[in-house]
Amino acid sequence: MMILLLALPLLHADWPVTEAPRETHWVNPCGDPRLGAAGRVEVANAQKHDPAFSRLEEIARYRNVKAAKQAMADLRGALVRCARTDDGSGVGRDQVWTSTSVKVGDEALRVAMQSHHGARPTLHGQRAVVARQGRYVMVYAHADEGSDLPRASDFRRHLKDAQVTARRLR
């Protein structure tokens, strides 16, 4: 676990850290508890929550590179299968998931979720960078009450943090 904790570049003293390799992946468009779980042997997860904003860093170590690659492939599949889903609130609000490949580590995705009422964006969104370096998969993310469509600037900090961690895990 020590290597994972040393790789968390944003870790602050007031961020609770958990070690739960069976915990559901934070970027999970279909809400599937099995997403990214196969072959995962260790996880360091640090989160900071405020009333209208939360940030997360997560690094998972997989049994081998093949298992980490499969976790990324499974995430890509989930992003396609569940690109638009009902958020379960009962008020006709959907979650719309989008992703774009980015250059971090061996492979990476910039992922956005934005709540929508019909075609109109509404409150609540998530922004994340999910990257793989060897047998490690890292997530840098935030959620807030914003109602704007995703912008490149939403991911700037996450990209930088993922790049730093990918270099540390080489």
Foldseek 3Di string as FASTA:
>chain_A
DVLQVVLQPVDDPPWDKDKDLQAADPLALVPDSCQLNPQWDIKIKTKDDDPFKMKIKMKTFGNWQVSQVVSVVSSVVRCVVRQWADPPPPPQKIWGKDWDWDDAAPTKIWIKIFIDRVPFTAFKMKTWMWDDHTRMIMIIMMMGGDRDDDDPVRCVVRRVSRNSSSVSVD
